[in-house]
C-alpha cells in the first residue's frame, strides 16, 4: 500500500499542466487521508497537503534545487573526512578539486602554505 502511494506521488511529476497536477494532487491527498489507510499513508497525505503549493509550482518552472543540495552534501563530506583541516585555503582547494572541473588558472594562484 505504501509503495503504491509513493509511486502514485512520483507519477504527479509526469503531468505537464499545473492545473491538472493540482487537481490530481488534491484527489490523491483526499484518497490518502481516508481513515482506512495505514498511518504512514495518512501522514504522507498531511505532508502533501502542506507542500501542495510548492509541488504544483514545480510544474510551472520545472526547477529543482537538487544540484545545489548535491554540492552542499559533497562539501560536508569533504569536511567530515578532512579530520580537522585548519586552513580555509586548503579546504577551499579540496572542495574545488572534488567538485570537478576546477579552474586551474585560479588554482595556480592559490599556494597552500
PDB file of N, CA and C in Angstrom:
ATOM      1  N   UNK A   1       0.825  -1.191   0.000  1.00  0.00           N
ATOM      2  CA  UNK A   1       0.000   0.000   0.000  1.00  0.00           C
ATOM      3  C   UNK A   1       0.874   1.261   0.000  1.00  0.00           C
ATOM      4  N   UNK A   2       1.875   1.288   0.874  1.00  0.00           N
ATOM      5  CA  UNK A   2       2.752   2.469   0.961  1.00  0.00           C
ATOM      6  C   UNK A   2       3.569   2.641  -0.319  1.00  0.00           C
ATOM      7  N   UNK A   3       4.046   1.536  -0.864  1.00  0.00           N
ATOM      8  CA  UNK A   3       4.831   1.613  -2.100  1.00  0.00           C
ATOM      9  C   UNK A   3       3.966   2.177  -3.226  1.00  0.00           C
ATOM     10  N   UNK A   4       2.725   1.731  -3.307  1.00  0.00           N
ATOM     11  CA  UNK A   4       1.811   2.218  -4.343  1.00  0.00           C
ATOM     12  C   UNK A   4       1.565   3.722  -4.168  1.00  0.00           C
ATOM     13  N   UNK A   5       1.418   4.162  -2.926  1.00  0.00           N
ATOM     14  CA  UNK A   5       1.213   5.592  -2.664  1.00  0.00           C
ATOM     15  C   UNK A   5       2.421   6.398  -3.134  1.00  0.00           C
ATOM     16  N   UNK A   6       3.614   5.897  -2.845  1.00  0.00           N
ATOM     17  CA  UNK A   6       4.844   6.592  -3.261  1.00  0.00           C
ATOM     18  C   UNK A   6       4.935   6.680  -4.778  1.00  0.00           C
ATOM     19  N   UNK A   7       4.642   5.583  -5.448  1.00  0.00           N
ATOM     20  CA  UNK A   7       4.713   5.570  -6.910  1.00  0.00           C
ATOM     21  C   UNK A   7       3.660   6.495  -7.526  1.00  0.00           C
ATOM     22  N   UNK A   8       2.510   6.595  -6.899  1.00  0.00           N
ATOM     23  CA  UNK A   8       1.470   7.497  -7.393  1.00  0.00           C
ATOM     24  C   UNK A   8       1.925   8.947  -7.259  1.00  0.00           C
ATOM     25  N   UNK A   9       2.574   9.265  -6.140  1.00  0.00           N
ATOM     26  CA  UNK A   9       3.105  10.620  -5.955  1.00  0.00           C
ATOM     27  C   UNK A   9       4.164  10.914  -7.014  1.00  0.00           C
ATOM     28  N   UNK A  10       5.009   9.953  -7.309  1.00  0.00           N
ATOM     29  CA  UNK A  10       6.030  10.148  -8.350  1.00  0.00           C
ATOM     30  C   UNK A  10       5.382  10.394  -9.709  1.00  0.00           C
ATOM     31  N   UNK A  11       4.224   9.781  -9.947  1.00  0.00           N
ATOM     32  CA  UNK A  11       3.507   9.980 -11.198  1.00  0.00           C
ATOM     33  C   UNK A  11       3.027  11.409 -11.387  1.00  0.00           C
ATOM     34  N   UNK A  12       2.915  12.142 -10.293  1.00  0.00           N
ATOM     35  CA  UNK A  12       2.498  13.540 -10.360  1.00  0.00           C
ATOM     36  C   UNK A  12       3.429  14.354 -11.255  1.00  0.00           C
ATOM     37  N   UNK A  13       4.717  14.036 -11.227  1.00  0.00           N
ATOM     38  CA  UNK A  13       5.693  14.823 -11.976  1.00  0.00           C
ATOM     39  C   UNK A  13       5.676  14.519 -13.472  1.00  0.00           C
ATOM     40  N   UNK A  14       4.904  13.549 -13.898  1.00  0.00           N
ATOM     41  CA  UNK A  14       4.760  13.263 -15.326  1.00  0.00           C
ATOM     42  C   UNK A  14       3.677  14.139 -15.962  1.00  0.00           C
ATOM     43  N   UNK A  15       2.886  14.804 -15.137  1.00  0.00           N
ATOM     44  CA  UNK A  15       1.809  15.665 -15.632  1.00  0.00           C
ATOM     45  C   UNK A  15       2.411  17.009 -16.040  1.00  0.00           C
ATOM     46  N   UNK A  16       2.073  17.482 -17.230  1.00  0.00           N
ATOM     47  CA  UNK A  16       2.678  18.709 -17.758  1.00  0.00           C
ATOM     48  C   UNK A  16       1.957  19.978 -17.298  1.00  0.00           C
ATOM     49  N   UNK A  17       0.653  19.943 -17.174  1.00  0.00           N
ATOM     50  CA  UNK A  17      -0.146  21.128 -16.890  1.00  0.00           C
ATOM     51  C   UNK A  17      -0.259  21.364 -15.380  1.00  0.00           C
ATOM     52  N   UNK A  18       0.050  22.580 -14.888  1.00  0.00           N
ATOM     53  CA  UNK A  18      -0.050  22.845 -13.448  1.00  0.00           C
ATOM     54  C   UNK A  18      -1.464  22.672 -12.893  1.00  0.00           C
ATOM     55  N   UNK A  19      -2.485  23.058 -13.656  1.00  0.00           N
ATOM     56  CA  UNK A  19      -3.862  22.918 -13.172  1.00  0.00           C
ATOM     57  C   UNK A  19      -4.236  21.443 -13.031  1.00  0.00           C
ATOM     58  N   UNK A  20      -3.857  20.639 -14.007  1.00  0.00           N
ATOM     59  CA  UNK A  20      -4.132  19.199 -13.932  1.00  0.00           C
ATOM     60  C   UNK A  20      -3.365  18.561 -12.783  1.00  0.00           C
ATOM     61  N   UNK A  21      -2.131  19.009 -12.578  1.00  0.00           N
ATOM     62  CA  UNK A  21      -1.326  18.476 -11.474  1.00  0.00           C
ATOM     63  C   UNK A  21      -1.964  18.825 -10.137  1.00  0.00           C
ATOM     64  N   UNK A  22      -2.478  20.044 -10.010  1.00  0.00           N
ATOM     65  CA  UNK A  22      -3.150  20.443  -8.776  1.00  0.00           C
ATOM     66  C   UNK A  22      -4.388  19.616  -8.505  1.00  0.00           C
ATOM     67  N   UNK A  23      -5.184  19.379  -9.539  1.00  0.00           N
ATOM     68  CA  UNK A  23      -6.386  18.557  -9.377  1.00  0.00           C
ATOM     69  C   UNK A  23      -6.017  17.122  -9.014  1.00  0.00           C
ATOM     70  N   UNK A  24      -5.002  16.582  -9.671  1.00  0.00           N
ATOM     71  CA  UNK A  24      -4.533  15.224  -9.378  1.00  0.00           C
ATOM     72  C   UNK A  24      -4.054  15.128  -7.933  1.00  0.00           C
ATOM     73  N   UNK A  25      -3.295  16.127  -7.497  1.00  0.00           N
ATOM     74  CA  UNK A  25      -2.756  16.119  -6.143  1.00  0.00           C
ATOM     75  C   UNK A  25      -3.865  16.249  -5.104  1.00  0.00           C
ATOM     76  N   UNK A  26      -4.860  17.099  -5.365  1.00  0.00           N
ATOM     77  CA  UNK A  26      -5.984  17.231  -4.433  1.00  0.00           C
ATOM     78  C   UNK A  26      -6.723  15.909  -4.266  1.00  0.00           C
ATOM     79  N   UNK A  27      -6.982  15.241  -5.380  1.00  0.00           N
ATOM     80  CA  UNK A  27      -7.670  13.948  -5.324  1.00  0.00           C
ATOM     81  C   UNK A  27      -6.815  12.907  -4.601  1.00  0.00           C
ATOM     82  N   UNK A  28      -5.526  12.921  -4.868  1.00  0.00           N
ATOM     83  CA  UNK A  28      -4.612  11.983  -4.222  1.00  0.00           C
ATOM     84  C   UNK A  28      -4.573  12.207  -2.710  1.00  0.00           C
ATOM     85  N   UNK A  29      -4.515  13.458  -2.285  1.00  0.00           N
ATOM     86  CA  UNK A  29      -4.492  13.773  -0.853  1.00  0.00           C
ATOM     87  C   UNK A  29      -5.773  13.295  -0.191  1.00  0.00           C
ATOM     88  N   UNK A  30      -6.914  13.533  -0.831  1.00  0.00           N
ATOM     89  CA  UNK A  30      -8.188  13.072  -0.263  1.00  0.00           C
ATOM     90  C   UNK A  30      -8.218  11.554  -0.126  1.00  0.00           C
ATOM     91  N   UNK A  31      -7.724  10.846  -1.138  1.00  0.00           N
ATOM     92  CA  UNK A  31      -7.702   9.380  -1.079  1.00  0.00           C
ATOM     93  C   UNK A  31      -6.770   8.882   0.021  1.00  0.00           C
ATOM     94  N   UNK A  32      -5.619   9.516   0.167  1.00  0.00           N
ATOM     95  CA  UNK A  32      -4.645   9.075   1.168  1.00  0.00           C
ATOM     96  C   UNK A  32      -5.077   9.408   2.594  1.00  0.00           C
ATOM     97  N   UNK A  33      -5.877  10.436   2.761  1.00  0.00           N
ATOM     98  CA  UNK A  33      -6.310  10.850   4.096  1.00  0.00           C
ATOM     99  C   UNK A  33      -7.449   9.985   4.633  1.00  0.00           C
ATOM    100  N   UNK A  34      -7.923   9.039   3.864  1.00  0.00           N
ATOM    101  CA  UNK A  34      -9.005   8.139   4.285  1.00  0.00           C
ATOM    102  C   UNK A  34      -8.598   7.391   5.553  1.00  0.00           C
ATOM    103  N   UNK A  35      -9.540   7.235   6.463  1.00  0.00           N
ATOM    104  CA  UNK A  35      -9.242   6.592   7.754  1.00  0.00           C
ATOM    105  C   UNK A  35      -8.860   5.122   7.607  1.00  0.00           C
ATOM    106  N   UNK A  36      -9.170   4.503   6.489  1.00  0.00           N
ATOM    107  CA  UNK A  36      -8.823   3.097   6.284  1.00  0.00           C
ATOM    108  C   UNK A  36      -7.374   2.915   5.827  1.00  0.00           C
ATOM    109  N   UNK A  37      -6.716   3.996   5.489  1.00  0.00           N
ATOM    110  CA  UNK A  37      -5.324   3.921   5.043  1.00  0.00           C
ATOM    111  C   UNK A  37      -4.402   3.720   6.247  1.00  0.00           C
ATOM    112  N   UNK A  38      -3.236   3.115   6.017  1.00  0.00           N
ATOM    113  CA  UNK A  38      -2.258   2.986   7.107  1.00  0.00           C
ATOM    114  C   UNK A  38      -1.809   4.366   7.607  1.00  0.00           C
ATOM    115  N   UNK A  39      -1.318   4.398   8.828  1.00  0.00           N
ATOM    116  CA  UNK A  39      -0.894   5.654   9.449  1.00  0.00           C
ATOM    117  C   UNK A  39       0.165   6.358   8.602  1.00  0.00           C
ATOM    118  N   UNK A  40       1.082   5.596   8.030  1.00  0.00           N
ATOM    119  CA  UNK A  40       2.151   6.196   7.226  1.00  0.00           C
ATOM    120  C   UNK A  40       1.597   6.917   6.004  1.00  0.00           C
ATOM    121  N   UNK A  41       0.590   6.336   5.382  1.00  0.00           N
ATOM    122  CA  UNK A  41      -0.009   6.950   4.191  1.00  0.00           C
ATOM    123  C   UNK A  41      -0.780   8.206   4.585  1.00  0.00           C
ATOM    124  N   UNK A  42      -1.474   8.166   5.714  1.00  0.00           N
ATOM    125  CA  UNK A  42      -2.189   9.363   6.185  1.00  0.00           C
ATOM    126  C   UNK A  42      -1.202  10.475   6.542  1.00  0.00           C
ATOM    127  N   UNK A  43      -0.064  10.088   7.098  1.00  0.00           N
ATOM    128  CA  UNK A  43       0.976  11.076   7.402  1.00  0.00           C
ATOM    129  C   UNK A  43       1.512  11.698   6.113  1.00  0.00           C
ATOM    130  N   UNK A  44       1.697  10.875   5.095  1.00  0.00           N
ATOM    131  CA  UNK A  44       2.132  11.380   3.791  1.00  0.00           C
ATOM    132  C   UNK A  44       1.101  12.351   3.220  1.00  0.00           C
ATOM    133  N   UNK A  45      -0.178  12.065   3.425  1.00  0.00           N
ATOM    134  CA  UNK A  45      -1.232  12.969   2.948  1.00  0.00           C
ATOM    135  C   UNK A  45      -1.100  14.340   3.605  1.00  0.00           C
ATOM    136  N   UNK A  46      -0.800  14.363   4.903  1.00  0.00           N
ATOM    137  CA  UNK A  46      -0.601  15.639   5.597  1.00  0.00           C
ATOM    138  C   UNK A  46       0.596  16.402   5.050  1.00  0.00           C
ATOM    139  N   UNK A  47       1.668  15.676   4.781  1.00  0.00           N
ATOM    140  CA  UNK A  47       2.863  16.307   4.216  1.00  0.00           C
ATOM    141  C   UNK A  47       2.564  16.875   2.834  1.00  0.00           C
ATOM    142  N   UNK A  48       1.861  16.100   2.021  1.00  0.00           N
ATOM    143  CA  UNK A  48       1.500  16.583   0.677  1.00  0.00           C
ATOM    144  C   UNK A  48       0.591  17.805   0.757  1.00  0.00           C
ATOM    145  N   UNK A  49      -0.298  17.816   1.727  1.00  0.00           N
ATOM    146  CA  UNK A  49      -1.199  18.957   1.886  1.00  0.00           C
ATOM    147  C   UNK A  49      -0.391  20.219   2.231  1.00  0.00           C
ATOM    148  N   UNK A  50       0.600  20.070   3.111  1.00  0.00           N
ATOM    149  CA  UNK A  50       1.419  21.226   3.497  1.00  0.00           C
ATOM    150  C   UNK A  50       2.283  21.733   2.341  1.00  0.00           C
ATOM    151  N   UNK A  51       2.757  20.839   1.493  1.00  0.00           N
ATOM    152  CA  UNK A  51       3.660  21.205   0.404  1.00  0.00           C
ATOM    153  C   UNK A  51       2.944  21.307  -0.945  1.00  0.00           C
ATOM    154  N   UNK A  52       1.633  21.304  -0.964  1.00  0.00           N
ATOM    155  CA  UNK A  52       0.866  21.277  -2.207  1.00  0.00           C
ATOM    156  C   UNK A  52       1.247  22.419  -3.146  1.00  0.00           C
ATOM    157  N   UNK A  53       1.258  23.643  -2.634  1.00  0.00           N
ATOM    158  CA  UNK A  53       1.529  24.802  -3.499  1.00  0.00           C
ATOM    159  C   UNK A  53       2.908  24.722  -4.146  1.00  0.00           C
ATOM    160  N   UNK A  54       3.905  24.296  -3.377  1.00  0.00           N
ATOM    161  CA  UNK A  54       5.256  24.191  -3.922  1.00  0.00           C
ATOM    162  C   UNK A  54       5.347  23.085  -4.969  1.00  0.00           C
ATOM    163  N   UNK A  55       4.636  21.987  -4.743  1.00  0.00           N
ATOM    164  CA  UNK A  55       4.669  20.877  -5.698  1.00  0.00           C
ATOM    165  C   UNK A  55       3.986  21.264  -7.002  1.00  0.00           C
ATOM    166  N   UNK A  56       2.889  21.995  -6.911  1.00  0.00           N
ATOM    167  CA  UNK A  56       2.198  22.444  -8.125  1.00  0.00           C
ATOM    168  C   UNK A  56       3.029  23.517  -8.831  1.00  0.00           C
ATOM    169  N   UNK A  57       3.707  24.370  -8.067  1.00  0.00           N
ATOM    170  CA  UNK A  57       4.547  25.416  -8.671  1.00  0.00           C
ATOM    171  C   UNK A  57       5.684  24.810  -9.488  1.00  0.00           C
ATOM    172  N   UNK A  58       6.144  23.637  -9.103  1.00  0.00           N
ATOM    173  CA  UNK A  58       7.220  22.987  -9.867  1.00  0.00           C
ATOM    174  C   UNK A  58       6.793  22.779 -11.313  1.00  0.00           C
ATOM    175  N   UNK A  59       5.528  22.541 -11.552  1.00  0.00           N
ATOM    176  CA  UNK A  59       5.036  22.281 -12.904  1.00  0.00           C
ATOM    177  C   UNK A  59       5.083  23.528 -13.783  1.00  0.00           C
ATOM    178  N   UNK A  60       5.198  24.699 -13.174  1.00  0.00           N
ATOM    179  CA  UNK A  60       5.305  25.935 -13.941  1.00  0.00           C
ATOM    180  C   UNK A  60       6.744  26.182 -14.385  1.00  0.00           C
ATOM    181  N   UNK A  61       7.695  26.058 -13.464  1.00  0.00           N
ATOM    182  CA  UNK A  61       9.090  26.390 -13.773  1.00  0.00           C
ATOM    183  C   UNK A  61       9.959  25.169 -14.037  1.00  0.00           C
ATOM    184  N   UNK A  62       9.608  24.027 -13.470  1.00  0.00           N
ATOM    185  CA  UNK A  62      10.390  22.779 -13.582  1.00  0.00           C
ATOM    186  C   UNK A  62      11.845  22.993 -13.160  1.00  0.00           C
ATOM    187  N   UNK A  63      11.997  23.651 -12.029  1.00  0.00           N
ATOM    188  CA  UNK A  63      13.317  23.927 -11.471  1.00  0.00           C
ATOM    189  C   UNK A  63      13.437  23.189 -10.145  1.00  0.00           C
ATOM    190  N   UNK A  64      14.608  22.633  -9.901  1.00  0.00           N
ATOM    191  CA  UNK A  64      14.857  21.891  -8.669  1.00  0.00           C
ATOM    192  C   UNK A  64      16.131  22.411  -8.013  1.00  0.00           C
ATOM    193  N   UNK A  65      16.202  22.300  -6.700  1.00  0.00           N
ATOM    194  CA  UNK A  65      17.431  22.670  -6.004  1.00  0.00           C
ATOM    195  C   UNK A  65      18.315  21.446  -5.779  1.00  0.00           C
ATOM    196  N   UNK A  66      18.058  20.369  -6.493  1.00  0.00           N
ATOM    197  CA  UNK A  66      18.836  19.141  -6.365  1.00  0.00           C
ATOM    198  C   UNK A  66      20.328  19.327  -6.582  1.00  0.00           C
ATOM    199  N   UNK A  67      20.760  20.023  -7.651  1.00  0.00           N
ATOM    200  CA  UNK A  67      22.200  20.219  -7.844  1.00  0.00           C
ATOM    201  C   UNK A  67      22.857  20.982  -6.689  1.00  0.00           C
ATOM    202  N   UNK A  68      22.160  21.975  -6.143  1.00  0.00           N
ATOM    203  CA  UNK A  68      22.704  22.721  -5.009  1.00  0.00           C
ATOM    204  C   UNK A  68      22.839  21.830  -3.790  1.00  0.00           C
ATOM    205  N   UNK A  69      21.814  21.019  -3.527  1.00  0.00           N
ATOM    206  CA  UNK A  69      21.867  20.097  -2.390  1.00  0.00           C
ATOM    207  C   UNK A  69      22.989  19.079  -2.561  1.00  0.00           C
ATOM    208  N   UNK A  70      23.210  18.622  -3.773  1.00  0.00           N
ATOM    209  CA  UNK A  70      24.288  17.657  -4.022  1.00  0.00           C
ATOM    210  C   UNK A  70      25.647  18.284  -3.733  1.00  0.00           C
ATOM    211  N   UNK A  71      25.833  19.521  -4.146  1.00  0.00           N
ATOM    212  CA  UNK A  71      27.103  20.203  -3.892  1.00  0.00           C
ATOM    213  C   UNK A  71      27.301  20.456  -2.399  1.00  0.00           C
ATOM    214  N   UNK A  72      26.239  20.856  -1.704  1.00  0.00           N
ATOM    215  CA  UNK A  72      26.335  21.043  -0.253  1.00  0.00           C
ATOM    216  C   UNK A  72      26.702  19.737   0.439  1.00  0.00           C
ATOM    217  N   UNK A  73      26.113  18.639   0.006  1.00  0.00           N
ATOM    218  CA  UNK A  73      26.423  17.330   0.585  1.00  0.00           C
ATOM    219  C   UNK A  73      27.887  16.976   0.343  1.00  0.00           C
ATOM    220  N   UNK A  74      28.381  17.240  -0.857  1.00  0.00           N
ATOM    221  CA  UNK A  74      29.784  16.965  -1.173  1.00  0.00           C
ATOM    222  C   UNK A  74      30.715  17.760  -0.259  1.00  0.00           C
ATOM    223  N   UNK A  75      30.418  19.038  -0.066  1.00  0.00           N
ATOM    224  CA  UNK A  75      31.255  19.883   0.783  1.00  0.00           C
ATOM    225  C   UNK A  75      31.239  19.393   2.227  1.00  0.00           C
ATOM    226  N   UNK A  76      30.084  18.980   2.720  1.00  0.00           N
ATOM    227  CA  UNK A  76      30.003  18.451   4.089  1.00  0.00           C
ATOM    228  C   UNK A  76      30.797  17.160   4.235  1.00  0.00           C
ATOM    229  N   UNK A  77      30.750  16.305   3.218  1.00  0.00           N
ATOM    230  CA  UNK A  77      31.531  15.055   3.281  1.00  0.00           C
ATOM    231  C   UNK A  77      33.023  15.344   3.272  1.00  0.00           C
ATOM    232  N   UNK A  78      33.448  16.319   2.478  1.00  0.00           N
ATOM    233  CA  UNK A  78      34.866  16.687   2.437  1.00  0.00           C
ATOM    234  C   UNK A  78      35.307  17.167   3.816  1.00  0.00           C
ATOM    235  N   UNK A  79      34.494  17.990   4.440  1.00  0.00           N
ATOM    236  CA  UNK A  79      34.833  18.499   5.771  1.00  0.00           C
ATOM    237  C   UNK A  79      34.902  17.360   6.784  1.00  0.00           C
ATOM    238  N   UNK A  80      33.991  16.407   6.666  1.00  0.00           N
ATOM    239  CA  UNK A  80      33.934  15.286   7.606  1.00  0.00           C
ATOM    240  C   UNK A  80      35.182  14.413   7.517  1.00  0.00           C
ATOM    241  N   UNK A  81      35.673  14.173   6.316  1.00  0.00           N
ATOM    242  CA  UNK A  81      36.838  13.295   6.159  1.00  0.00           C
ATOM    243  C   UNK A  81      38.160  14.056   6.273  1.00  0.00           C
ATOM    244  N   UNK A  82      38.101  15.382   6.420  1.00  0.00           N
ATOM    245  CA  UNK A  82      39.330  16.177   6.489  1.00  0.00           C
ATOM    246  C   UNK A  82      40.013  16.060   7.847  1.00  0.00           C
ATOM    247  N   UNK A  83      39.305  15.592   8.861  1.00  0.00           N
ATOM    248  CA  UNK A  83      39.875  15.414  10.197  1.00  0.00           C
ATOM    249  C   UNK A  83      40.530  16.691  10.723  1.00  0.00           C
ATOM    250  N   UNK A  84      39.751  17.761  10.757  1.00  0.00           N
ATOM    251  CA  UNK A  84      40.225  18.986  11.386  1.00  0.00           C
ATOM    252  C   UNK A  84      41.124  19.852  10.534  1.00  0.00           C
ATOM    253  N   UNK A  85      40.812  19.988   9.280  1.00  0.00           N
ATOM    254  CA  UNK A  85      41.591  20.867   8.410  1.00  0.00           C
ATOM    255  C   UNK A  85      41.512  22.286   8.983  1.00  0.00           C
ATOM    256  N   UNK A  86      42.651  22.901   9.227  1.00  0.00           N
ATOM    257  CA  UNK A  86      42.682  24.180   9.935  1.00  0.00           C
ATOM    258  C   UNK A  86      42.658  25.390   9.008  1.00  0.00           C
ATOM    259  N   UNK A  87      43.145  25.228   7.824  1.00  0.00           N
ATOM    260  CA  UNK A  87      43.253  26.387   6.932  1.00  0.00           C
ATOM    261  C   UNK A  87      42.152  26.355   5.883  1.00  0.00           C
ATOM    262  N   UNK A  88      41.442  27.474   5.803  1.00  0.00           N
ATOM    263  CA  UNK A  88      40.353  27.572   4.846  1.00  0.00           C
ATOM    264  C   UNK A  88      40.865  27.421   3.419  1.00  0.00           C
ATOM    265  N   UNK A  89      42.065  27.899   3.150  1.00  0.00           N
ATOM    266  CA  UNK A  89      42.615  27.801   1.791  1.00  0.00           C
ATOM    267  C   UNK A  89      42.711  26.347   1.355  1.00  0.00           C
ATOM    268  N   UNK A  90      43.180  25.488   2.236  1.00  0.00           N
ATOM    269  CA  UNK A  90      43.292  24.058   1.908  1.00  0.00           C
ATOM    270  C   UNK A  90      41.904  23.454   1.684  1.00  0.00           C
ATOM    271  N   UNK A  91      40.988  23.822   2.558  1.00  0.00           N
ATOM    272  CA  UNK A  91      39.610  23.329   2.466  1.00  0.00           C
ATOM    273  C   UNK A  91      38.989  23.759   1.138  1.00  0.00           C
ATOM    274  N   UNK A  92      39.211  25.013   0.777  1.00  0.00           N
ATOM    275  CA  UNK A  92      38.656  25.542  -0.473  1.00  0.00           C
ATOM    276  C   UNK A  92      39.229  24.807  -1.680  1.00  0.00           C
ATOM    277  N   UNK A  93      40.527  24.600  -1.708  1.00  0.00           N
ATOM    278  CA  UNK A  93      41.158  23.893  -2.824  1.00  0.00           C
ATOM    279  C   UNK A  93      40.623  22.473  -2.913  1.00  0.00           C
ATOM    280  N   UNK A  94      40.509  21.808  -1.778  1.00  0.00           N
ATOM    281  CA  UNK A  94      39.999  20.436  -1.779  1.00  0.00           C
ATOM    282  C   UNK A  94      38.561  20.390  -2.308  1.00  0.00           C
ATOM    283  N   UNK A  95      37.727  21.348  -1.895  1.00  0.00           N
ATOM    284  CA  UNK A  95      36.339  21.391  -2.382  1.00  0.00           C
ATOM    285  C   UNK A  95      36.302  21.609  -3.891  1.00  0.00           C
ATOM    286  N   UNK A  96      37.128  22.521  -4.389  1.00  0.00           N
ATOM    287  CA  UNK A  96      37.154  22.782  -5.831  1.00  0.00           C
ATOM    288  C   UNK A  96      37.609  21.550  -6.605  1.00  0.00           C
ATOM    289  N   UNK A  97      38.596  20.847  -6.077  1.00  0.00           N
ATOM    290  CA  UNK A  97      39.092  19.655  -6.765  1.00  0.00           C
ATOM    291  C   UNK A  97      38.059  18.536  -6.767  1.00  0.00           C
ATOM    292  N   UNK A  98      37.400  18.306  -5.633  1.00  0.00           N
ATOM    293  CA  UNK A  98      36.409  17.235  -5.557  1.00  0.00           C
ATOM    294  C   UNK A  98      35.160  17.556  -6.371  1.00  0.00           C
ATOM    295  N   UNK A  99      34.817  18.844  -6.474  1.00  0.00           N
ATOM    296  CA  UNK A  99      33.599  19.227  -7.193  1.00  0.00           C
ATOM    297  C   UNK A  99      33.734  19.008  -8.689  1.00  0.00           C
ATOM    298  N   UNK A 100      34.967  18.885  -9.177  1.00  0.00           N
ATOM    299  CA  UNK A 100      35.165  18.621 -10.598  1.00  0.00           C
ATOM    300  C   UNK A 100      35.293  19.890 -11.409  1.00  0.00           C
ATOM    301  N   UNK A 101      35.917  19.741 -12.560  1.00  0.00           N
ATOM    302  CA  UNK A 101      36.155  20.840 -13.482  1.00  0.00           C
ATOM    303  C   UNK A 101      36.711  22.087 -12.786  1.00  0.00           C
ATOM    304  N   UNK A 102      37.831  21.947 -12.067  1.00  0.00           N
ATOM    305  CA  UNK A 102      38.379  23.132 -11.395  1.00  0.00           C
ATOM    306  C   UNK A 102      38.978  24.104 -12.402  1.00  0.00           C
ATOM    307  N   UNK A 103      38.981  25.348 -12.044  1.00  0.00           N
ATOM    308  CA  UNK A 103      39.617  26.388 -12.847  1.00  0.00           C
ATOM    309  C   UNK A 103      41.097  26.396 -12.468  1.00  0.00           C
ATOM    310  N   UNK A 104      41.926  25.766 -13.288  1.00  0.00           N
ATOM    311  CA  UNK A 104      43.335  25.601 -12.953  1.00  0.00           C
ATOM    312  C   UNK A 104      44.066  26.932 -12.897  1.00  0.00           C
ATOM    313  N   UNK A 105      43.646  27.909 -13.681  1.00  0.00           N
ATOM    314  CA  UNK A 105      44.288  29.223 -13.616  1.00  0.00           C
ATOM    315  C   UNK A 105      44.068  29.853 -12.247  1.00  0.00           C
ATOM    316  N   UNK A 106      42.878  29.688 -11.715  1.00  0.00           N
ATOM    317  CA  UNK A 106      42.587  30.203 -10.382  1.00  0.00           C
ATOM    318  C   UNK A 106      43.364  29.416  -9.331  1.00  0.00           C
ATOM    319  N   UNK A 107      43.433  28.101  -9.492  1.00  0.00           N
ATOM    320  CA  UNK A 107      44.129  27.277  -8.508  1.00  0.00           C
ATOM    321  C   UNK A 107      45.631  27.522  -8.523  1.00  0.00           C
ATOM    322  N   UNK A 108      46.175  27.940  -9.656  1.00  0.00           N
ATOM    323  CA  UNK A 108      47.604  28.255  -9.705  1.00  0.00           C
ATOM    324  C   UNK A 108      47.950  29.431  -8.803  1.00  0.00           C
ATOM    325  N   UNK A 109      46.983  30.315  -8.571  1.00  0.00           N
ATOM    326  CA  UNK A 109      47.239  31.477  -7.718  1.00  0.00           C
ATOM    327  C   UNK A 109      47.109  31.134  -6.244  1.00  0.00           C
ATOM    328  N   UNK A 110      46.599  29.958  -5.943  1.00  0.00           N
ATOM    329  CA  UNK A 110      46.407  29.546  -4.553  1.00  0.00           C
ATOM    330  C   UNK A 110      47.500  28.552  -4.197  1.00  0.00           C
ATOM    331  N   UNK A 111      48.420  28.981  -3.405  1.00  0.00           N
ATOM    332  CA  UNK A 111      49.503  28.101  -2.981  1.00  0.00           C
ATOM    333  C   UNK A 111      49.288  27.768  -1.515  1.00  0.00           C
ATOM    334  N   UNK A 112      48.926  26.537  -1.200  1.00  0.00           N
ATOM    335  CA  UNK A 112      48.744  26.186   0.215  1.00  0.00           C
ATOM    336  C   UNK A 112      50.040  26.400   0.983  1.00  0.00           C
ATOM    337  N   UNK A 113      49.925  26.958   2.157  1.00  0.00           N
ATOM    338  CA  UNK A 113      51.112  27.240   2.978  1.00  0.00           C
ATOM    339  C   UNK A 113      51.116  26.369   4.196  1.00  0.00           C
TER     340      UNK A 113
END
